[in-house]
Amino acid sequence: MSWPLPPTTRRLVGWLFLIAGFLLLLGVGLRLGVVYYEYQQLGEGALNSTRLILSLMMLVAAMLMLRYGWRERRGNDTVD
């Protein structure tokens, strides 16, 4: 694949990253909602640090996907 991508391909890649980032953000939000509900019902024993760390890592990944998709969609330079 040649660099830089043609404008049509860049817009398509941007849309795909925006959709994937939004869906991942939605999934992480629902997952954190379940963790909060378990915490309310069972107390501190329900918290698992590994699950919380993975959720936060996925949250960061979702935000980066949204950022990259937005910049790709707008045609800005995405190479930092």
PDB file of N, CA and C in Angstrom:
ATOM      1  N   MET A   1       0.841  -1.159   0.000  1.00  0.00           N
ATOM      2  CA  MET A   1       0.000   0.000   0.000  1.00  0.00           C
ATOM      3  C   MET A   1       0.897   1.236   0.000  1.00  0.00           C
ATOM      4  N   SER A   2       0.595   2.163  -0.842  1.00  0.00           N
ATOM      5  CA  SER A   2       1.415   3.365  -0.944  1.00  0.00           C
ATOM      6  C   SER A   2       1.040   4.365   0.140  1.00  0.00           C
ATOM      7  N   TRP A   3       2.000   5.188   0.462  1.00  0.00           N
ATOM      8  CA  TRP A   3       1.788   6.228   1.452  1.00  0.00           C
ATOM      9  C   TRP A   3       1.945   7.566   0.792  1.00  0.00           C
ATOM     10  N   PRO A   4       1.166   8.543   0.978  1.00  0.00           N
ATOM     11  CA  PRO A   4      -0.066   8.577   1.764  1.00  0.00           C
ATOM     12  C   PRO A   4      -1.225   7.945   1.007  1.00  0.00           C
ATOM     13  N   LEU A   5      -2.230   7.566   1.762  1.00  0.00           N
ATOM     14  CA  LEU A   5      -3.409   6.928   1.172  1.00  0.00           C
ATOM     15  C   LEU A   5      -4.200   7.936   0.343  1.00  0.00           C
ATOM     16  N   PRO A   6      -4.900   7.443  -0.679  1.00  0.00           N
ATOM     17  CA  PRO A   6      -5.783   8.335  -1.431  1.00  0.00           C
ATOM     18  C   PRO A   6      -6.890   8.888  -0.518  1.00  0.00           C
ATOM     19  N   PRO A   7      -7.420  10.070  -0.842  1.00  0.00           N
ATOM     20  CA  PRO A   7      -8.432  10.695   0.041  1.00  0.00           C
ATOM     21  C   PRO A   7      -9.657   9.820   0.300  1.00  0.00           C
ATOM     22  N   THR A   8     -10.121   9.095  -0.692  1.00  0.00           N
ATOM     23  CA  THR A   8     -11.298   8.237  -0.479  1.00  0.00           C
ATOM     24  C   THR A   8     -10.997   7.140   0.523  1.00  0.00           C
ATOM     25  N   THR A   9      -9.832   6.535   0.409  1.00  0.00           N
ATOM     26  CA  THR A   9      -9.440   5.475   1.338  1.00  0.00           C
ATOM     27  C   THR A   9      -9.242   6.042   2.740  1.00  0.00           C
ATOM     28  N   ARG A  10      -8.680   7.241   2.824  1.00  0.00           N
ATOM     29  CA  ARG A  10      -8.484   7.864   4.141  1.00  0.00           C
ATOM     30  C   ARG A  10      -9.819   8.112   4.832  1.00  0.00           C
ATOM     31  N   ARG A  11     -10.816   8.557   4.090  1.00  0.00           N
ATOM     32  CA  ARG A  11     -12.132   8.781   4.690  1.00  0.00           C
ATOM     33  C   ARG A  11     -12.743   7.466   5.157  1.00  0.00           C
ATOM     34  N   LEU A  12     -12.587   6.413   4.355  1.00  0.00           N
ATOM     35  CA  LEU A  12     -13.119   5.106   4.743  1.00  0.00           C
ATOM     36  C   LEU A  12     -12.419   4.583   5.991  1.00  0.00           C
ATOM     37  N   VAL A  13     -11.111   4.686   6.035  1.00  0.00           N
ATOM     38  CA  VAL A  13     -10.353   4.247   7.213  1.00  0.00           C
ATOM     39  C   VAL A  13     -10.752   5.077   8.426  1.00  0.00           C
ATOM     40  N   GLY A  14     -10.955   6.372   8.223  1.00  0.00           N
ATOM     41  CA  GLY A  14     -11.396   7.224   9.323  1.00  0.00           C
ATOM     42  C   GLY A  14     -12.741   6.797   9.870  1.00  0.00           C
ATOM     43  N   TRP A  15     -13.700   6.507   8.976  1.00  0.00           N
ATOM     44  CA  TRP A  15     -15.029   6.042   9.429  1.00  0.00           C
ATOM     45  C   TRP A  15     -14.915   4.724  10.186  1.00  0.00           C
ATOM     46  N   LEU A  16     -14.087   3.814   9.695  1.00  0.00           N
ATOM     47  CA  LEU A  16     -13.948   2.515  10.369  1.00  0.00           C
ATOM     48  C   LEU A  16     -13.353   2.678  11.762  1.00  0.00           C
ATOM     49  N   PHE A  17     -12.346   3.547  11.889  1.00  0.00           N
ATOM     50  CA  PHE A  17     -11.770   3.786  13.215  1.00  0.00           C
ATOM     51  C   PHE A  17     -12.773   4.470  14.137  1.00  0.00           C
ATOM     52  N   LEU A  18     -13.558   5.407  13.612  1.00  0.00           N
ATOM     53  CA  LEU A  18     -14.567   6.064  14.446  1.00  0.00           C
ATOM     54  C   LEU A  18     -15.622   5.073  14.929  1.00  0.00           C
ATOM     55  N   ILE A  19     -16.076   4.214  14.050  1.00  0.00           N
ATOM     56  CA  ILE A  19     -17.087   3.219  14.439  1.00  0.00           C
ATOM     57  C   ILE A  19     -16.516   2.242  15.454  1.00  0.00           C
ATOM     58  N   ALA A  20     -15.304   1.740  15.187  1.00  0.00           N
ATOM     59  CA  ALA A  20     -14.686   0.783  16.106  1.00  0.00           C
ATOM     60  C   ALA A  20     -14.407   1.429  17.461  1.00  0.00           C
ATOM     61  N   GLY A  21     -13.929   2.664  17.465  1.00  0.00           N
ATOM     62  CA  GLY A  21     -13.659   3.360  18.725  1.00  0.00           C
ATOM     63  C   GLY A  21     -14.922   3.604  19.519  1.00  0.00           C
ATOM     64  N   PHE A  22     -15.998   4.001  18.826  1.00  0.00           N
ATOM     65  CA  PHE A  22     -17.269   4.234  19.516  1.00  0.00           C
ATOM     66  C   PHE A  22     -17.808   2.941  20.112  1.00  0.00           C
ATOM     67  N   LEU A  23     -17.756   1.851  19.346  1.00  0.00           N
ATOM     68  CA  LEU A  23     -18.263   0.570  19.867  1.00  0.00           C
ATOM     69  C   LEU A  23     -17.429   0.071  21.043  1.00  0.00           C
ATOM     70  N   LEU A  24     -16.118   0.245  20.965  1.00  0.00           N
ATOM     71  CA  LEU A  24     -15.262  -0.154  22.083  1.00  0.00           C
ATOM     72  C   LEU A  24     -15.546   0.714  23.301  1.00  0.00           C
ATOM     73  N   LEU A  25     -15.752   2.004  23.098  1.00  0.00           N
ATOM     74  CA  LEU A  25     -16.085   2.902  24.202  1.00  0.00           C
ATOM     75  C   LEU A  25     -17.417   2.511  24.832  1.00  0.00           C
ATOM     76  N   LEU A  26     -18.381   2.168  24.019  1.00  0.00           N
ATOM     77  CA  LEU A  26     -19.672   1.722  24.525  1.00  0.00           C
ATOM     78  C   LEU A  26     -19.532   0.429  25.329  1.00  0.00           C
ATOM     79  N   GLY A  27     -18.773  -0.519  24.807  1.00  0.00           N
ATOM     80  CA  GLY A  27     -18.563  -1.786  25.505  1.00  0.00           C
ATOM     81  C   GLY A  27     -17.852  -1.603  26.832  1.00  0.00           C
ATOM     82  N   VAL A  28     -16.826  -0.760  26.857  1.00  0.00           N
ATOM     83  CA  VAL A  28     -16.095  -0.514  28.109  1.00  0.00           C
ATOM     84  C   VAL A  28     -17.003   0.199  29.108  1.00  0.00           C
ATOM     85  N   GLY A  29     -17.815   1.119  28.631  1.00  0.00           N
ATOM     86  CA  GLY A  29     -18.748   1.793  29.530  1.00  0.00           C
ATOM     87  C   GLY A  29     -19.734   0.831  30.160  1.00  0.00           C
ATOM     88  N   LEU A  30     -20.265  -0.069  29.354  1.00  0.00           N
ATOM     89  CA  LEU A  30     -21.182  -1.079  29.898  1.00  0.00           C
ATOM     90  C   LEU A  30     -20.464  -2.008  30.875  1.00  0.00           C
ATOM     91  N   ARG A  31     -19.238  -2.376  30.541  1.00  0.00           N
ATOM     92  CA  ARG A  31     -18.467  -3.253  31.429  1.00  0.00           C
ATOM     93  C   ARG A  31     -18.185  -2.563  32.760  1.00  0.00           C
ATOM     94  N   LEU A  32     -17.817  -1.277  32.721  1.00  0.00           N
ATOM     95  CA  LEU A  32     -17.578  -0.550  33.966  1.00  0.00           C
ATOM     96  C   LEU A  32     -18.873  -0.368  34.755  1.00  0.00           C
ATOM     97  N   GLY A  33     -19.993  -0.264  34.058  1.00  0.00           N
ATOM     98  CA  GLY A  33     -21.279  -0.205  34.748  1.00  0.00           C
ATOM     99  C   GLY A  33     -21.565  -1.485  35.514  1.00  0.00           C
ATOM    100  N   VAL A  34     -21.237  -2.618  34.922  1.00  0.00           N
ATOM    101  CA  VAL A  34     -21.422  -3.902  35.597  1.00  0.00           C
ATOM    102  C   VAL A  34     -20.494  -4.011  36.802  1.00  0.00           C
ATOM    103  N   VAL A  35     -19.253  -3.556  36.648  1.00  0.00           N
ATOM    104  CA  VAL A  35     -18.308  -3.591  37.767  1.00  0.00           C
ATOM    105  C   VAL A  35     -18.812  -2.707  38.908  1.00  0.00           C
ATOM    106  N   TYR A  36     -19.335  -1.538  38.568  1.00  0.00           N
ATOM    107  CA  TYR A  36     -19.867  -0.645  39.606  1.00  0.00           C
ATOM    108  C   TYR A  36     -21.066  -1.271  40.310  1.00  0.00           C
ATOM    109  N   TYR A  37     -21.937  -1.929  39.549  1.00  0.00           N
ATOM    110  CA  TYR A  37     -23.093  -2.591  40.145  1.00  0.00           C
ATOM    111  C   TYR A  37     -22.643  -3.715  41.084  1.00  0.00           C
ATOM    112  N   GLU A  38     -21.653  -4.505  40.660  1.00  0.00           N
ATOM    113  CA  GLU A  38     -21.129  -5.559  41.532  1.00  0.00           C
ATOM    114  C   GLU A  38     -20.526  -4.967  42.800  1.00  0.00           C
ATOM    115  N   TYR A  39     -19.821  -3.845  42.650  1.00  0.00           N
ATOM    116  CA  TYR A  39     -19.223  -3.186  43.809  1.00  0.00           C
ATOM    117  C   TYR A  39     -20.305  -2.724  44.788  1.00  0.00           C
ATOM    118  N   GLN A  40     -21.404  -2.197  44.254  1.00  0.00           N
ATOM    119  CA  GLN A  40     -22.497  -1.744  45.111  1.00  0.00           C
ATOM    120  C   GLN A  40     -23.153  -2.911  45.847  1.00  0.00           C
ATOM    121  N   GLN A  41     -23.252  -4.064  45.193  1.00  0.00           N
ATOM    122  CA  GLN A  41     -23.924  -5.218  45.792  1.00  0.00           C
ATOM    123  C   GLN A  41     -23.025  -6.000  46.737  1.00  0.00           C
ATOM    124  N   LEU A  42     -21.757  -6.203  46.340  1.00  0.00           N
ATOM    125  CA  LEU A  42     -20.896  -7.115  47.078  1.00  0.00           C
ATOM    126  C   LEU A  42     -19.778  -6.444  47.864  1.00  0.00           C
ATOM    127  N   GLY A  43     -19.539  -5.180  47.638  1.00  0.00           N
ATOM    128  CA  GLY A  43     -18.471  -4.482  48.355  1.00  0.00           C
ATOM    129  C   GLY A  43     -17.131  -4.642  47.658  1.00  0.00           C
ATOM    130  N   GLU A  44     -16.074  -4.395  48.434  1.00  0.00           N
ATOM    131  CA  GLU A  44     -14.726  -4.402  47.856  1.00  0.00           C
ATOM    132  C   GLU A  44     -14.278  -5.776  47.382  1.00  0.00           C
ATOM    133  N   GLY A  45     -14.887  -6.811  47.857  1.00  0.00           N
ATOM    134  CA  GLY A  45     -14.506  -8.160  47.432  1.00  0.00           C
ATOM    135  C   GLY A  45     -14.808  -8.427  45.965  1.00  0.00           C
ATOM    136  N   ALA A  46     -15.688  -7.641  45.380  1.00  0.00           N
ATOM    137  CA  ALA A  46     -16.060  -7.839  43.980  1.00  0.00           C
ATOM    138  C   ALA A  46     -15.069  -7.191  43.014  1.00  0.00           C
ATOM    139  N   LEU A  47     -14.217  -6.293  43.533  1.00  0.00           N
ATOM    140  CA  LEU A  47     -13.284  -5.591  42.654  1.00  0.00           C
ATOM    141  C   LEU A  47     -12.092  -6.482  42.332  1.00  0.00           C
ATOM    142  N   ASN A  48     -11.727  -6.479  41.076  1.00  0.00           N
ATOM    143  CA  ASN A  48     -10.580  -7.230  40.608  1.00  0.00           C
ATOM    144  C   ASN A  48      -9.670  -6.237  39.899  1.00  0.00           C
ATOM    145  N   SER A  49      -8.463  -6.046  40.424  1.00  0.00           N
ATOM    146  CA  SER A  49      -7.583  -5.016  39.872  1.00  0.00           C
ATOM    147  C   SER A  49      -7.200  -5.308  38.428  1.00  0.00           C
ATOM    148  N   THR A  50      -7.057  -6.572  38.074  1.00  0.00           N
ATOM    149  CA  THR A  50      -6.701  -6.912  36.692  1.00  0.00           C
ATOM    150  C   THR A  50      -7.805  -6.494  35.736  1.00  0.00           C
ATOM    151  N   ARG A  51      -9.040  -6.738  36.106  1.00  0.00           N
ATOM    152  CA  ARG A  51     -10.170  -6.367  35.250  1.00  0.00           C
ATOM    153  C   ARG A  51     -10.277  -4.854  35.117  1.00  0.00           C
ATOM    154  N   LEU A  52     -10.037  -4.124  36.210  1.00  0.00           N
ATOM    155  CA  LEU A  52     -10.092  -2.672  36.148  1.00  0.00           C
ATOM    156  C   LEU A  52      -8.974  -2.099  35.281  1.00  0.00           C
ATOM    157  N   ILE A  53      -7.778  -2.652  35.398  1.00  0.00           N
ATOM    158  CA  ILE A  53      -6.659  -2.174  34.591  1.00  0.00           C
ATOM    159  C   ILE A  53      -6.914  -2.450  33.119  1.00  0.00           C
ATOM    160  N   LEU A  54      -7.419  -3.631  32.795  1.00  0.00           N
ATOM    161  CA  LEU A  54      -7.737  -3.942  31.393  1.00  0.00           C
ATOM    162  C   LEU A  54      -8.837  -3.029  30.862  1.00  0.00           C
ATOM    163  N   SER A  55      -9.812  -2.721  31.692  1.00  0.00           N
ATOM    164  CA  SER A  55     -10.874  -1.808  31.269  1.00  0.00           C
ATOM    165  C   SER A  55     -10.326  -0.416  30.989  1.00  0.00           C
ATOM    166  N   LEU A  56      -9.439   0.055  31.841  1.00  0.00           N
ATOM    167  CA  LEU A  56      -8.844   1.369  31.619  1.00  0.00           C
ATOM    168  C   LEU A  56      -7.948   1.381  30.382  1.00  0.00           C
ATOM    169  N   MET A  57      -7.243   0.305  30.132  1.00  0.00           N
ATOM    170  CA  MET A  57      -6.424   0.211  28.918  1.00  0.00           C
ATOM    171  C   MET A  57      -7.299   0.215  27.671  1.00  0.00           C
ATOM    172  N   MET A  58      -8.427  -0.483  27.725  1.00  0.00           N
ATOM    173  CA  MET A  58      -9.352  -0.474  26.591  1.00  0.00           C
ATOM    174  C   MET A  58      -9.978   0.900  26.415  1.00  0.00           C
ATOM    175  N   LEU A  59     -10.216   1.610  27.509  1.00  0.00           N
ATOM    176  CA  LEU A  59     -10.748   2.965  27.428  1.00  0.00           C
ATOM    177  C   LEU A  59      -9.756   3.892  26.720  1.00  0.00           C
ATOM    178  N   VAL A  60      -8.485   3.771  27.063  1.00  0.00           N
ATOM    179  CA  VAL A  60      -7.450   4.571  26.395  1.00  0.00           C
ATOM    180  C   VAL A  60      -7.365   4.193  24.918  1.00  0.00           C
ATOM    181  N   ALA A  61      -7.431   2.902  24.611  1.00  0.00           N
ATOM    182  CA  ALA A  61      -7.385   2.458  23.213  1.00  0.00           C
ATOM    183  C   ALA A  61      -8.575   3.003  22.428  1.00  0.00           C
ATOM    184  N   ALA A  62      -9.746   3.020  23.037  1.00  0.00           N
ATOM    185  CA  ALA A  62     -10.932   3.551  22.363  1.00  0.00           C
ATOM    186  C   ALA A  62     -10.771   5.040  22.078  1.00  0.00           C
ATOM    187  N   MET A  63     -10.238   5.780  23.027  1.00  0.00           N
ATOM    188  CA  MET A  63     -10.035   7.209  22.812  1.00  0.00           C
ATOM    189  C   MET A  63      -9.008   7.460  21.711  1.00  0.00           C
ATOM    190  N   LEU A  64      -7.942   6.663  21.672  1.00  0.00           N
ATOM    191  CA  LEU A  64      -6.950   6.820  20.612  1.00  0.00           C
ATOM    192  C   LEU A  64      -7.527   6.462  19.246  1.00  0.00           C
ATOM    193  N   MET A  65      -8.382   5.451  19.200  1.00  0.00           N
ATOM    194  CA  MET A  65      -9.028   5.093  17.938  1.00  0.00           C
ATOM    195  C   MET A  65      -9.945   6.208  17.468  1.00  0.00           C
ATOM    196  N   LEU A  66     -10.683   6.809  18.382  1.00  0.00           N
ATOM    197  CA  LEU A  66     -11.542   7.933  18.019  1.00  0.00           C
ATOM    198  C   LEU A  66     -10.712   9.120  17.530  1.00  0.00           C
ATOM    199  N   ARG A  67      -9.618   9.386  18.203  1.00  0.00           N
ATOM    200  CA  ARG A  67      -8.749  10.500  17.800  1.00  0.00           C
ATOM    201  C   ARG A  67      -8.173  10.250  16.408  1.00  0.00           C
ATOM    202  N   TYR A  68      -7.642   9.058  16.197  1.00  0.00           N
ATOM    203  CA  TYR A  68      -7.050   8.742  14.900  1.00  0.00           C
ATOM    204  C   TYR A  68      -8.110   8.770  13.796  1.00  0.00           C
ATOM    205  N   GLY A  69      -9.273   8.221  14.061  1.00  0.00           N
ATOM    206  CA  GLY A  69     -10.343   8.218  13.074  1.00  0.00           C
ATOM    207  C   GLY A  69     -10.802   9.615  12.733  1.00  0.00           C
ATOM    208  N   TRP A  70     -10.901  10.473  13.743  1.00  0.00           N
ATOM    209  CA  TRP A  70     -11.333  11.854  13.496  1.00  0.00           C
ATOM    210  C   TRP A  70     -10.303  12.601  12.658  1.00  0.00           C
ATOM    211  N   ARG A  71      -9.031  12.424  13.015  1.00  0.00           N
ATOM    212  CA  ARG A  71      -7.980  13.110  12.261  1.00  0.00           C
ATOM    213  C   ARG A  71      -7.877  12.570  10.840  1.00  0.00           C
ATOM    214  N   GLU A  72      -8.035  11.281  10.673  1.00  0.00           N
ATOM    215  CA  GLU A  72      -7.985  10.679   9.339  1.00  0.00           C
ATOM    216  C   GLU A  72      -9.179  11.141   8.510  1.00  0.00           C
ATOM    217  N   ARG A  73     -10.319  11.225   9.129  1.00  0.00           N
ATOM    218  CA  ARG A  73     -11.540  11.647   8.431  1.00  0.00           C
ATOM    219  C   ARG A  73     -11.448  13.100   7.975  1.00  0.00           C
ATOM    220  N   ARG A  74     -10.838  13.956   8.802  1.00  0.00           N
ATOM    221  CA  ARG A  74     -10.716  15.374   8.476  1.00  0.00           C
ATOM    222  C   ARG A  74      -9.567  15.662   7.529  1.00  0.00           C
ATOM    223  N   GLY A  75      -8.713  14.664   7.288  1.00  0.00           N
ATOM    224  CA  GLY A  75      -7.609  14.846   6.361  1.00  0.00           C
ATOM    225  C   GLY A  75      -6.376  15.450   6.983  1.00  0.00           C
ATOM    226  N   ASN A  76      -6.318  15.515   8.313  1.00  0.00           N
ATOM    227  CA  ASN A  76      -5.134  16.044   8.990  1.00  0.00           C
ATOM    228  C   ASN A  76      -4.027  15.015   8.957  1.00  0.00           C
ATOM    229  N   ASP A  77      -2.818  15.485   9.160  1.00  0.00           N
ATOM    230  CA  ASP A  77      -1.669  14.580   9.190  1.00  0.00           C
ATOM    231  C   ASP A  77      -1.716  13.753  10.461  1.00  0.00           C
ATOM    232  N   THR A  78      -1.760  12.435  10.340  1.00  0.00           N
ATOM    233  CA  THR A  78      -1.881  11.563  11.511  1.00  0.00           C
ATOM    234  C   THR A  78      -0.541  11.034  11.977  1.00  0.00           C
ATOM    235  N   VAL A  79       0.543  11.393  11.312  1.00  0.00           N
ATOM    236  CA  VAL A  79       1.872  10.939  11.728  1.00  0.00           C
ATOM    237  C   VAL A  79       2.403  11.918  12.761  1.00  0.00           C
ATOM    238  N   ASP A  80       2.553  11.452  13.992  1.00  0.00           N
ATOM    239  CA  ASP A  80       3.037  12.332  15.071  1.00  0.00           C
ATOM    240  C   ASP A  80       4.511  12.152  15.287  1.00  0.00           C
TER     241      ASP A  80
END
